[in-house]
């Protein structure tokens, strides 16, 4: 006789309570708590350089950029993610008075890794699309010069790819431009 292990599912409330006490970050999807792994040097450099460039351009304006320590709730189904870079405009909206779960990002940027690429392109993107505030979703490769931009035009997501080191990514949602040179300058293996 075989036995099947029972899958433990958690409510969003159980996840949030656990996450606020945890020493390591986890994401939440369909009742499952998903541990996050560490990032490569290329991943962290790209994330930091994107956030730095956008922070400089947004300084003093109505929009703000933050990095991967801010959790985002995607919609009524209660999926929670930690985007690599996220921007919001106006006042941030939070799930509750702890102010650690953002509800109104206008821009989400994910730096791809081999272990998350399929997930970031597929299921995670479909959950991000539940956000009424989201206008742009950006996927950044860390092993070659390639940035994919998904912009919401009326009711349809339109994709544009940038694959040349000299290209400039226009981030219309926050009024910024991001040269790919600024994204990849500290990742020499990608540009050689």
N, C-alpha and C. Protein backbone atom coordinates (compact mmCIF):
# COMPACT_ATOMS: atom_id res chain seq x y z
N UNK A 1 0.84 -1.18 0.00
CA UNK A 1 0.00 0.00 0.00
C UNK A 1 0.89 1.24 0.00
N UNK A 2 0.62 2.15 -0.90
CA UNK A 2 1.43 3.36 -0.95
C UNK A 2 0.75 4.46 -0.16
N UNK A 3 1.57 5.36 0.32
CA UNK A 3 1.00 6.51 1.04
C UNK A 3 1.45 7.78 0.36
N UNK A 4 0.58 8.73 0.28
CA UNK A 4 0.89 10.02 -0.31
C UNK A 4 1.07 11.04 0.81
N UNK A 5 2.11 11.80 0.69
CA UNK A 5 2.34 12.85 1.68
C UNK A 5 1.31 13.95 1.46
N UNK A 6 0.72 14.38 2.54
CA UNK A 6 -0.27 15.46 2.45
C UNK A 6 0.46 16.78 2.24
N UNK A 7 -0.01 17.53 1.27
CA UNK A 7 0.58 18.83 1.00
C UNK A 7 -0.04 19.85 1.95
N UNK A 8 0.82 20.58 2.65
CA UNK A 8 0.36 21.60 3.57
C UNK A 8 0.20 22.91 2.81
N UNK A 9 -1.00 23.44 2.86
CA UNK A 9 -1.27 24.73 2.24
C UNK A 9 -1.49 25.76 3.33
N UNK A 10 -1.05 26.97 3.06
CA UNK A 10 -1.14 28.05 4.04
C UNK A 10 -2.06 29.14 3.51
N UNK A 11 -2.73 29.81 4.41
CA UNK A 11 -3.53 30.97 4.02
C UNK A 11 -2.60 32.17 3.84
N UNK A 12 -3.04 33.20 3.12
CA UNK A 12 -2.22 34.41 3.02
C UNK A 12 -1.88 34.99 4.40
N UNK A 13 -2.82 34.92 5.31
CA UNK A 13 -2.58 35.45 6.66
C UNK A 13 -1.50 34.66 7.39
N UNK A 14 -1.51 33.33 7.23
CA UNK A 14 -0.47 32.51 7.85
C UNK A 14 0.90 32.81 7.24
N UNK A 15 0.92 32.99 5.92
CA UNK A 15 2.17 33.33 5.24
C UNK A 15 2.73 34.65 5.77
N UNK A 16 1.90 35.69 5.81
CA UNK A 16 2.36 37.01 6.26
C UNK A 16 2.87 36.94 7.69
N UNK A 17 2.14 36.26 8.57
CA UNK A 17 2.57 36.14 9.96
C UNK A 17 3.92 35.45 10.05
N UNK A 18 4.09 34.38 9.28
CA UNK A 18 5.36 33.64 9.27
C UNK A 18 6.48 34.47 8.65
N UNK A 19 6.19 35.14 7.55
CA UNK A 19 7.20 35.91 6.82
C UNK A 19 7.73 37.06 7.68
N UNK A 20 6.88 37.66 8.46
CA UNK A 20 7.31 38.80 9.28
C UNK A 20 8.23 38.38 10.42
N UNK A 21 8.28 37.10 10.73
CA UNK A 21 9.17 36.58 11.77
C UNK A 21 10.39 35.88 11.18
N UNK A 22 10.37 35.60 9.89
CA UNK A 22 11.39 34.77 9.26
C UNK A 22 12.73 35.48 9.12
N UNK A 23 13.79 34.69 9.12
CA UNK A 23 15.14 35.20 8.92
C UNK A 23 15.50 35.26 7.43
N UNK A 24 14.79 34.50 6.60
CA UNK A 24 15.01 34.50 5.16
C UNK A 24 13.69 34.77 4.46
N UNK A 25 13.77 35.34 3.26
CA UNK A 25 12.56 35.70 2.53
C UNK A 25 11.99 34.50 1.79
N UNK A 26 10.67 34.49 1.69
CA UNK A 26 9.94 33.49 0.92
C UNK A 26 8.82 34.20 0.17
N UNK A 27 8.45 33.63 -0.97
CA UNK A 27 7.31 34.14 -1.72
C UNK A 27 6.13 33.21 -1.45
N UNK A 28 4.95 33.64 -1.89
CA UNK A 28 3.73 32.89 -1.60
C UNK A 28 2.89 32.80 -2.86
N UNK A 29 2.48 31.57 -3.20
CA UNK A 29 1.68 31.36 -4.40
C UNK A 29 0.79 30.14 -4.20
N UNK A 30 -0.50 30.32 -4.37
CA UNK A 30 -1.48 29.23 -4.31
C UNK A 30 -1.36 28.39 -3.05
N UNK A 31 -1.19 29.05 -1.93
CA UNK A 31 -1.14 28.35 -0.66
C UNK A 31 0.22 27.80 -0.29
N UNK A 32 1.19 27.94 -1.16
CA UNK A 32 2.52 27.41 -0.90
C UNK A 32 3.50 28.52 -0.60
N UNK A 33 4.36 28.27 0.36
CA UNK A 33 5.44 29.19 0.70
C UNK A 33 6.69 28.70 -0.02
N UNK A 34 7.27 29.57 -0.83
CA UNK A 34 8.38 29.21 -1.70
C UNK A 34 9.64 29.94 -1.23
N UNK A 35 10.61 29.18 -0.73
CA UNK A 35 11.85 29.76 -0.25
C UNK A 35 12.61 30.39 -1.41
N UNK A 36 13.23 31.52 -1.15
CA UNK A 36 14.02 32.20 -2.18
C UNK A 36 15.49 31.82 -2.00
N UNK A 37 16.15 31.61 -3.11
CA UNK A 37 17.57 31.28 -3.05
C UNK A 37 18.40 32.55 -3.19
N UNK A 38 19.68 32.41 -2.95
CA UNK A 38 20.59 33.53 -3.09
C UNK A 38 20.78 33.90 -4.55
N UNK A 39 21.42 35.04 -4.79
CA UNK A 39 21.62 35.54 -6.15
C UNK A 39 23.10 35.53 -6.49
N UNK A 40 23.39 35.44 -7.78
CA UNK A 40 24.77 35.49 -8.26
C UNK A 40 25.30 36.92 -8.19
N UNK A 41 26.61 37.05 -8.35
CA UNK A 41 27.23 38.38 -8.36
C UNK A 41 26.69 39.21 -9.52
N UNK A 42 26.55 38.60 -10.69
CA UNK A 42 26.01 39.33 -11.84
C UNK A 42 24.59 39.83 -11.55
N UNK A 43 23.77 38.98 -10.95
CA UNK A 43 22.39 39.34 -10.61
C UNK A 43 22.36 40.53 -9.66
N UNK A 44 23.16 40.49 -8.62
CA UNK A 44 23.13 41.58 -7.64
C UNK A 44 23.70 42.87 -8.22
N UNK A 45 24.72 42.77 -9.07
CA UNK A 45 25.26 43.99 -9.70
C UNK A 45 24.23 44.62 -10.63
N UNK A 46 23.57 43.81 -11.44
CA UNK A 46 22.56 44.33 -12.37
C UNK A 46 21.42 44.98 -11.59
N UNK A 47 20.93 44.31 -10.57
CA UNK A 47 19.84 44.85 -9.75
C UNK A 47 20.23 46.19 -9.13
N UNK A 48 21.40 46.24 -8.53
CA UNK A 48 21.86 47.47 -7.89
C UNK A 48 22.05 48.60 -8.89
N UNK A 49 22.64 48.30 -10.05
CA UNK A 49 22.88 49.34 -11.04
C UNK A 49 21.58 49.88 -11.63
N UNK A 50 20.60 49.02 -11.86
CA UNK A 50 19.29 49.49 -12.33
C UNK A 50 18.66 50.40 -11.29
N UNK A 51 18.63 49.94 -10.04
CA UNK A 51 18.01 50.74 -8.97
C UNK A 51 18.74 52.07 -8.78
N UNK A 52 20.06 52.05 -8.85
CA UNK A 52 20.84 53.28 -8.68
C UNK A 52 20.52 54.29 -9.79
N UNK A 53 20.55 53.84 -11.03
CA UNK A 53 20.27 54.74 -12.16
C UNK A 53 18.86 55.31 -12.07
N UNK A 54 17.88 54.47 -11.75
CA UNK A 54 16.51 54.97 -11.65
C UNK A 54 16.33 55.89 -10.46
N UNK A 55 16.97 55.58 -9.36
CA UNK A 55 16.87 56.44 -8.18
C UNK A 55 17.40 57.84 -8.48
N UNK A 56 18.50 57.92 -9.20
CA UNK A 56 19.07 59.22 -9.57
C UNK A 56 18.08 59.98 -10.46
N UNK A 57 17.52 59.30 -11.45
CA UNK A 57 16.61 59.98 -12.38
C UNK A 57 15.29 60.39 -11.72
N UNK A 58 14.86 59.64 -10.72
CA UNK A 58 13.56 59.92 -10.08
C UNK A 58 13.65 60.88 -8.90
N UNK A 59 14.84 61.18 -8.48
CA UNK A 59 15.02 62.02 -7.30
C UNK A 59 14.26 63.33 -7.44
N UNK A 60 13.46 63.64 -6.43
CA UNK A 60 12.72 64.90 -6.42
C UNK A 60 11.40 64.86 -7.18
N UNK A 61 11.08 63.73 -7.78
CA UNK A 61 9.84 63.61 -8.54
C UNK A 61 8.75 62.88 -7.77
N UNK A 62 7.69 62.52 -8.48
CA UNK A 62 6.53 61.89 -7.88
C UNK A 62 6.66 60.37 -7.76
N UNK A 63 7.64 59.78 -8.47
CA UNK A 63 7.82 58.32 -8.46
C UNK A 63 9.04 57.94 -7.64
N UNK A 64 9.03 56.72 -7.13
CA UNK A 64 10.12 56.24 -6.29
C UNK A 64 10.45 54.81 -6.67
N UNK A 65 11.73 54.47 -6.60
CA UNK A 65 12.18 53.11 -6.89
C UNK A 65 12.69 52.46 -5.60
N UNK A 66 12.39 51.17 -5.46
CA UNK A 66 12.87 50.42 -4.31
C UNK A 66 13.34 49.04 -4.80
N UNK A 67 14.09 48.37 -3.97
CA UNK A 67 14.65 47.08 -4.39
C UNK A 67 13.96 45.91 -3.69
N UNK A 68 14.57 44.76 -3.81
CA UNK A 68 13.96 43.47 -3.51
C UNK A 68 13.65 43.16 -2.05
N UNK A 69 13.70 44.11 -1.17
CA UNK A 69 13.27 43.86 0.20
C UNK A 69 11.81 44.22 0.42
N UNK A 70 11.17 44.83 -0.58
CA UNK A 70 9.76 45.20 -0.47
C UNK A 70 8.90 44.13 -1.13
N UNK A 71 8.04 43.54 -0.35
CA UNK A 71 7.11 42.52 -0.85
C UNK A 71 5.97 43.20 -1.61
N UNK A 72 5.48 42.54 -2.67
CA UNK A 72 4.36 43.04 -3.47
C UNK A 72 3.27 41.99 -3.46
N UNK A 73 2.04 42.42 -3.17
CA UNK A 73 0.87 41.54 -3.28
C UNK A 73 0.23 41.82 -4.63
N UNK A 74 -0.06 40.75 -5.37
CA UNK A 74 -0.49 40.95 -6.75
C UNK A 74 -1.99 41.08 -6.95
N UNK A 75 -2.80 40.56 -6.10
CA UNK A 75 -4.22 40.66 -6.35
C UNK A 75 -5.04 39.91 -5.32
N UNK A 76 -6.32 39.78 -5.59
CA UNK A 76 -7.22 39.16 -4.62
C UNK A 76 -6.90 37.70 -4.32
N UNK A 77 -6.20 37.02 -5.22
CA UNK A 77 -5.83 35.63 -4.96
C UNK A 77 -4.72 35.52 -3.92
N UNK A 78 -4.07 36.64 -3.65
CA UNK A 78 -3.09 36.67 -2.58
C UNK A 78 -1.74 36.07 -2.91
N UNK A 79 -1.19 36.33 -4.09
CA UNK A 79 0.19 35.94 -4.38
C UNK A 79 1.11 37.07 -3.90
N UNK A 80 2.24 36.69 -3.33
CA UNK A 80 3.19 37.66 -2.80
C UNK A 80 4.57 37.38 -3.40
N UNK A 81 5.21 38.44 -3.92
CA UNK A 81 6.52 38.30 -4.53
C UNK A 81 7.45 39.40 -4.03
N UNK A 82 8.75 39.17 -4.22
CA UNK A 82 9.78 40.17 -3.95
C UNK A 82 10.46 40.51 -5.28
N UNK A 83 9.95 41.49 -6.03
CA UNK A 83 10.59 41.85 -7.30
C UNK A 83 12.01 42.38 -7.06
N UNK A 84 12.87 42.22 -8.05
CA UNK A 84 14.23 42.73 -7.90
C UNK A 84 14.24 44.25 -7.79
N UNK A 85 13.45 44.91 -8.65
CA UNK A 85 13.32 46.37 -8.60
C UNK A 85 11.85 46.68 -8.84
N UNK A 86 11.32 47.63 -8.09
CA UNK A 86 9.92 48.02 -8.25
C UNK A 86 9.83 49.54 -8.11
N UNK A 87 8.92 50.14 -8.86
CA UNK A 87 8.68 51.58 -8.75
C UNK A 87 7.19 51.83 -8.58
N UNK A 88 6.87 52.88 -7.84
CA UNK A 88 5.49 53.32 -7.68
C UNK A 88 5.48 54.84 -7.81
N UNK A 89 4.33 55.39 -8.12
CA UNK A 89 4.19 56.84 -8.25
C UNK A 89 3.10 57.32 -7.30
N UNK A 90 3.27 58.50 -6.78
CA UNK A 90 2.33 59.00 -5.79
C UNK A 90 2.58 58.33 -4.45
N UNK A 91 1.55 58.28 -3.65
CA UNK A 91 1.68 57.65 -2.34
C UNK A 91 1.68 56.14 -2.46
N UNK A 92 2.57 55.46 -1.75
CA UNK A 92 2.54 54.00 -1.77
C UNK A 92 1.29 53.52 -1.04
N UNK A 93 0.71 52.45 -1.55
CA UNK A 93 -0.43 51.81 -0.89
C UNK A 93 0.04 50.48 -0.33
N UNK A 94 -0.33 50.23 0.93
CA UNK A 94 0.12 49.03 1.61
C UNK A 94 -1.06 48.17 2.04
N UNK A 95 -0.77 46.89 2.23
CA UNK A 95 -1.81 45.94 2.63
C UNK A 95 -2.34 46.23 4.03
N UNK A 96 -1.46 46.68 4.92
CA UNK A 96 -1.88 46.96 6.30
C UNK A 96 -0.95 48.01 6.90
N UNK A 97 -1.06 48.21 8.19
CA UNK A 97 -0.30 49.28 8.85
C UNK A 97 1.13 48.88 9.23
N UNK A 98 1.61 47.74 8.73
CA UNK A 98 3.01 47.36 8.94
C UNK A 98 3.88 47.94 7.82
N UNK A 99 3.28 48.31 6.69
CA UNK A 99 3.93 49.00 5.58
C UNK A 99 5.07 48.18 4.94
N UNK A 100 4.86 46.87 4.81
CA UNK A 100 5.90 46.03 4.21
C UNK A 100 5.39 45.24 2.99
N UNK A 101 4.15 45.51 2.57
CA UNK A 101 3.58 44.83 1.42
C UNK A 101 2.92 45.87 0.50
N UNK A 102 3.61 46.17 -0.59
CA UNK A 102 3.17 47.20 -1.53
C UNK A 102 2.06 46.67 -2.43
N UNK A 103 1.06 47.51 -2.69
CA UNK A 103 -0.08 47.12 -3.52
C UNK A 103 -0.13 47.84 -4.87
N UNK A 104 0.64 48.92 -5.05
CA UNK A 104 0.47 49.75 -6.25
C UNK A 104 1.75 50.01 -7.06
N UNK A 105 2.51 48.97 -7.40
CA UNK A 105 3.67 49.23 -8.26
C UNK A 105 3.22 49.58 -9.67
N UNK A 106 3.94 50.49 -10.30
CA UNK A 106 3.66 50.84 -11.69
C UNK A 106 4.65 50.14 -12.62
N UNK A 107 5.82 49.78 -12.07
CA UNK A 107 6.89 49.13 -12.82
C UNK A 107 7.49 48.02 -11.97
N UNK A 108 7.67 46.84 -12.57
CA UNK A 108 8.33 45.71 -11.91
C UNK A 108 9.44 45.24 -12.83
N UNK A 109 10.64 45.05 -12.24
CA UNK A 109 11.78 44.54 -12.99
C UNK A 109 12.27 43.27 -12.30
N UNK A 110 12.42 42.21 -13.09
CA UNK A 110 12.97 40.95 -12.60
C UNK A 110 14.24 40.65 -13.37
N UNK A 111 15.32 40.33 -12.66
CA UNK A 111 16.56 39.89 -13.28
C UNK A 111 16.49 38.37 -13.34
N UNK A 112 16.60 37.82 -14.54
CA UNK A 112 16.39 36.39 -14.75
C UNK A 112 17.59 35.57 -14.32
N UNK A 113 17.29 34.40 -13.80
CA UNK A 113 18.33 33.40 -13.54
C UNK A 113 17.84 32.09 -14.15
N UNK A 114 18.72 31.15 -14.32
CA UNK A 114 18.33 29.89 -14.96
C UNK A 114 17.24 29.17 -14.17
N UNK A 115 17.23 29.34 -12.86
CA UNK A 115 16.24 28.64 -12.03
C UNK A 115 14.88 29.34 -11.99
N UNK A 116 14.82 30.62 -12.36
CA UNK A 116 13.56 31.36 -12.25
C UNK A 116 13.01 31.87 -13.58
N UNK A 117 13.75 31.74 -14.65
CA UNK A 117 13.37 32.37 -15.92
C UNK A 117 11.99 31.95 -16.42
N UNK A 118 11.71 30.67 -16.44
CA UNK A 118 10.41 30.19 -16.93
C UNK A 118 9.29 30.71 -16.03
N UNK A 119 9.50 30.65 -14.75
CA UNK A 119 8.53 31.12 -13.76
C UNK A 119 8.29 32.63 -13.90
N UNK A 120 9.37 33.41 -14.04
CA UNK A 120 9.24 34.87 -14.17
C UNK A 120 8.50 35.27 -15.44
N UNK A 121 8.74 34.54 -16.53
CA UNK A 121 8.08 34.83 -17.80
C UNK A 121 6.61 34.41 -17.82
N UNK A 122 6.31 33.34 -17.12
CA UNK A 122 4.98 32.74 -17.19
C UNK A 122 4.08 33.06 -16.02
N UNK A 123 4.08 32.17 -15.05
CA UNK A 123 3.13 32.27 -13.95
C UNK A 123 3.27 33.56 -13.14
N UNK A 124 4.50 33.94 -12.86
CA UNK A 124 4.70 35.17 -12.08
C UNK A 124 4.17 36.39 -12.84
N UNK A 125 4.47 36.46 -14.14
CA UNK A 125 3.98 37.58 -14.95
C UNK A 125 2.46 37.60 -14.98
N UNK A 126 1.83 36.45 -15.07
CA UNK A 126 0.36 36.42 -15.10
C UNK A 126 -0.22 36.95 -13.78
N UNK A 127 0.45 36.70 -12.68
CA UNK A 127 -0.01 37.25 -11.40
C UNK A 127 0.24 38.76 -11.33
N UNK A 128 1.39 39.20 -11.79
CA UNK A 128 1.65 40.64 -11.80
C UNK A 128 0.60 41.39 -12.63
N UNK A 129 0.09 40.77 -13.68
CA UNK A 129 -0.91 41.41 -14.53
C UNK A 129 -2.22 41.67 -13.79
N UNK A 130 -2.42 41.07 -12.63
CA UNK A 130 -3.61 41.33 -11.82
C UNK A 130 -3.56 42.71 -11.16
N UNK A 131 -2.39 43.30 -11.11
CA UNK A 131 -2.23 44.61 -10.48
C UNK A 131 -2.79 45.71 -11.39
N UNK A 132 -3.79 46.41 -10.92
CA UNK A 132 -4.40 47.48 -11.71
C UNK A 132 -3.41 48.62 -11.97
N UNK A 133 -2.44 48.79 -11.09
CA UNK A 133 -1.47 49.89 -11.22
C UNK A 133 -0.34 49.59 -12.19
N UNK A 134 -0.05 48.32 -12.47
CA UNK A 134 1.13 47.95 -13.25
C UNK A 134 1.02 48.38 -14.71
N UNK A 135 2.07 49.07 -15.20
CA UNK A 135 2.11 49.52 -16.59
C UNK A 135 3.27 48.92 -17.37
N UNK A 136 4.34 48.52 -16.66
CA UNK A 136 5.50 47.94 -17.34
C UNK A 136 6.09 46.80 -16.51
N UNK A 137 6.47 45.74 -17.24
CA UNK A 137 7.14 44.58 -16.65
C UNK A 137 8.40 44.34 -17.47
N UNK A 138 9.55 44.33 -16.80
CA UNK A 138 10.83 44.23 -17.48
C UNK A 138 11.56 42.98 -17.02
N UNK A 139 12.06 42.20 -17.99
CA UNK A 139 12.87 41.02 -17.71
C UNK A 139 14.28 41.28 -18.22
N UNK A 140 15.26 41.12 -17.35
CA UNK A 140 16.65 41.41 -17.68
C UNK A 140 17.47 40.13 -17.59
N UNK A 141 18.09 39.74 -18.68
CA UNK A 141 18.96 38.58 -18.68
C UNK A 141 20.25 38.93 -17.96
N UNK A 142 20.82 37.99 -17.23
CA UNK A 142 22.09 38.26 -16.57
C UNK A 142 23.26 37.57 -17.27
N UNK A 143 22.97 36.74 -18.29
CA UNK A 143 24.05 36.03 -18.96
C UNK A 143 24.28 36.46 -20.41
N UNK A 144 23.53 37.45 -20.87
CA UNK A 144 23.75 38.07 -22.18
C UNK A 144 23.02 39.40 -22.20
N UNK A 145 23.36 40.26 -23.15
CA UNK A 145 22.69 41.55 -23.27
C UNK A 145 21.31 41.30 -23.89
N UNK A 146 20.31 41.33 -23.03
CA UNK A 146 18.93 41.14 -23.49
C UNK A 146 17.97 41.64 -22.42
N UNK A 147 17.15 42.60 -22.81
CA UNK A 147 16.13 43.14 -21.93
C UNK A 147 14.80 43.06 -22.67
N UNK A 148 13.80 42.49 -22.01
CA UNK A 148 12.47 42.38 -22.58
C UNK A 148 11.54 43.31 -21.81
N UNK A 149 10.85 44.15 -22.56
CA UNK A 149 9.94 45.12 -21.96
C UNK A 149 8.51 44.75 -22.36
N UNK A 150 7.65 44.64 -21.36
CA UNK A 150 6.22 44.43 -21.60
C UNK A 150 5.51 45.68 -21.10
N UNK A 151 4.85 46.40 -22.02
CA UNK A 151 4.12 47.62 -21.67
C UNK A 151 2.65 47.39 -21.90
N UNK A 152 1.85 47.87 -20.96
CA UNK A 152 0.40 47.77 -21.10
C UNK A 152 -0.07 48.95 -21.95
N UNK A 153 -0.60 48.63 -23.12
CA UNK A 153 -1.17 49.64 -24.01
C UNK A 153 -2.66 49.36 -24.10
N UNK A 154 -3.43 50.22 -23.46
CA UNK A 154 -4.87 50.05 -23.32
C UNK A 154 -5.15 48.76 -22.55
N UNK A 155 -5.45 47.67 -23.22
CA UNK A 155 -5.76 46.41 -22.52
C UNK A 155 -4.83 45.27 -22.92
N UNK A 156 -3.78 45.58 -23.68
CA UNK A 156 -2.90 44.52 -24.19
C UNK A 156 -1.45 44.78 -23.81
N UNK A 157 -0.76 43.71 -23.44
CA UNK A 157 0.66 43.80 -23.13
C UNK A 157 1.46 43.65 -24.43
N UNK A 158 2.30 44.63 -24.71
CA UNK A 158 3.11 44.65 -25.93
C UNK A 158 4.58 44.48 -25.55
N UNK A 159 5.24 43.54 -26.23
CA UNK A 159 6.64 43.24 -25.93
C UNK A 159 7.58 43.92 -26.91
N UNK A 160 8.69 44.45 -26.36
CA UNK A 160 9.80 44.98 -27.15
C UNK A 160 11.08 44.42 -26.56
N UNK A 161 11.99 43.97 -27.43
CA UNK A 161 13.27 43.44 -26.97
C UNK A 161 14.40 44.40 -27.29
N UNK A 162 15.39 44.44 -26.40
CA UNK A 162 16.60 45.25 -26.59
C UNK A 162 17.78 44.30 -26.40
N UNK A 163 18.64 44.21 -27.43
CA UNK A 163 19.73 43.23 -27.38
C UNK A 163 21.10 43.82 -27.73
N UNK A 164 21.17 45.13 -27.91
CA UNK A 164 22.45 45.75 -28.23
C UNK A 164 22.91 46.57 -27.03
N UNK A 165 24.18 46.51 -26.77
CA UNK A 165 24.79 47.24 -25.66
C UNK A 165 24.51 48.74 -25.76
N UNK A 166 24.32 49.24 -26.98
CA UNK A 166 24.09 50.67 -27.21
C UNK A 166 22.62 51.06 -27.08
N UNK A 167 21.71 50.09 -26.93
CA UNK A 167 20.28 50.38 -26.83
C UNK A 167 19.95 51.14 -25.55
N UNK A 168 18.84 51.85 -25.60
CA UNK A 168 18.33 52.57 -24.43
C UNK A 168 16.89 52.12 -24.20
N UNK A 169 16.62 51.67 -22.99
CA UNK A 169 15.29 51.20 -22.60
C UNK A 169 14.46 52.38 -22.12
N UNK A 170 13.38 52.75 -22.83
CA UNK A 170 12.51 53.84 -22.35
C UNK A 170 11.50 53.29 -21.35
N UNK A 171 11.50 53.83 -20.17
CA UNK A 171 10.55 53.43 -19.14
C UNK A 171 9.49 54.52 -19.05
N UNK A 172 8.50 54.42 -19.91
CA UNK A 172 7.48 55.45 -20.08
C UNK A 172 6.68 55.64 -18.80
N UNK A 173 6.41 54.56 -18.09
CA UNK A 173 5.56 54.62 -16.90
C UNK A 173 6.11 55.55 -15.82
N UNK A 174 7.44 55.68 -15.77
CA UNK A 174 8.04 56.53 -14.74
C UNK A 174 8.86 57.67 -15.34
N UNK A 175 8.81 57.83 -16.67
CA UNK A 175 9.50 58.93 -17.33
C UNK A 175 11.01 58.86 -17.27
N UNK A 176 11.57 57.66 -17.38
CA UNK A 176 13.02 57.47 -17.32
C UNK A 176 13.52 56.75 -18.56
N UNK A 177 14.82 56.81 -18.76
CA UNK A 177 15.50 56.03 -19.78
C UNK A 177 16.63 55.29 -19.11
N UNK A 178 16.83 54.05 -19.52
CA UNK A 178 17.86 53.22 -18.92
C UNK A 178 18.75 52.65 -20.01
N UNK A 179 19.94 53.23 -20.22
CA UNK A 179 20.86 52.68 -21.21
C UNK A 179 21.29 51.26 -20.80
N UNK A 180 21.30 50.34 -21.74
CA UNK A 180 21.74 48.98 -21.43
C UNK A 180 23.19 48.98 -20.96
N UNK A 181 23.98 49.95 -21.40
CA UNK A 181 25.35 50.08 -20.91
C UNK A 181 25.37 50.23 -19.39
N UNK A 182 24.40 50.95 -18.84
CA UNK A 182 24.34 51.14 -17.40
C UNK A 182 23.90 49.87 -16.67
N UNK A 183 23.13 49.05 -17.36
CA UNK A 183 22.69 47.78 -16.77
C UNK A 183 23.84 46.77 -16.71
N UNK A 184 24.62 46.70 -17.79
CA UNK A 184 25.59 45.62 -17.95
C UNK A 184 27.06 46.01 -17.76
N UNK A 185 27.33 47.24 -17.43
CA UNK A 185 28.74 47.68 -17.40
C UNK A 185 29.61 46.92 -16.39
N UNK A 186 29.02 46.40 -15.32
CA UNK A 186 29.82 45.67 -14.33
C UNK A 186 29.70 44.15 -14.48
N UNK A 187 29.22 43.71 -15.64
CA UNK A 187 29.10 42.28 -15.92
C UNK A 187 29.90 41.99 -17.18
N UNK A 188 31.24 41.98 -17.06
CA UNK A 188 32.09 41.90 -18.25
C UNK A 188 31.89 40.64 -19.10
N UNK A 189 31.52 39.54 -18.51
CA UNK A 189 31.33 38.30 -19.28
C UNK A 189 30.19 38.44 -20.30
N UNK A 190 29.24 39.31 -20.02
CA UNK A 190 28.08 39.51 -20.89
C UNK A 190 28.45 40.37 -22.10
N UNK A 191 29.31 41.34 -21.91
CA UNK A 191 29.60 42.30 -22.97
C UNK A 191 30.83 41.94 -23.80
N UNK A 192 31.54 40.89 -23.43
CA UNK A 192 32.74 40.54 -24.20
C UNK A 192 32.44 39.66 -25.37
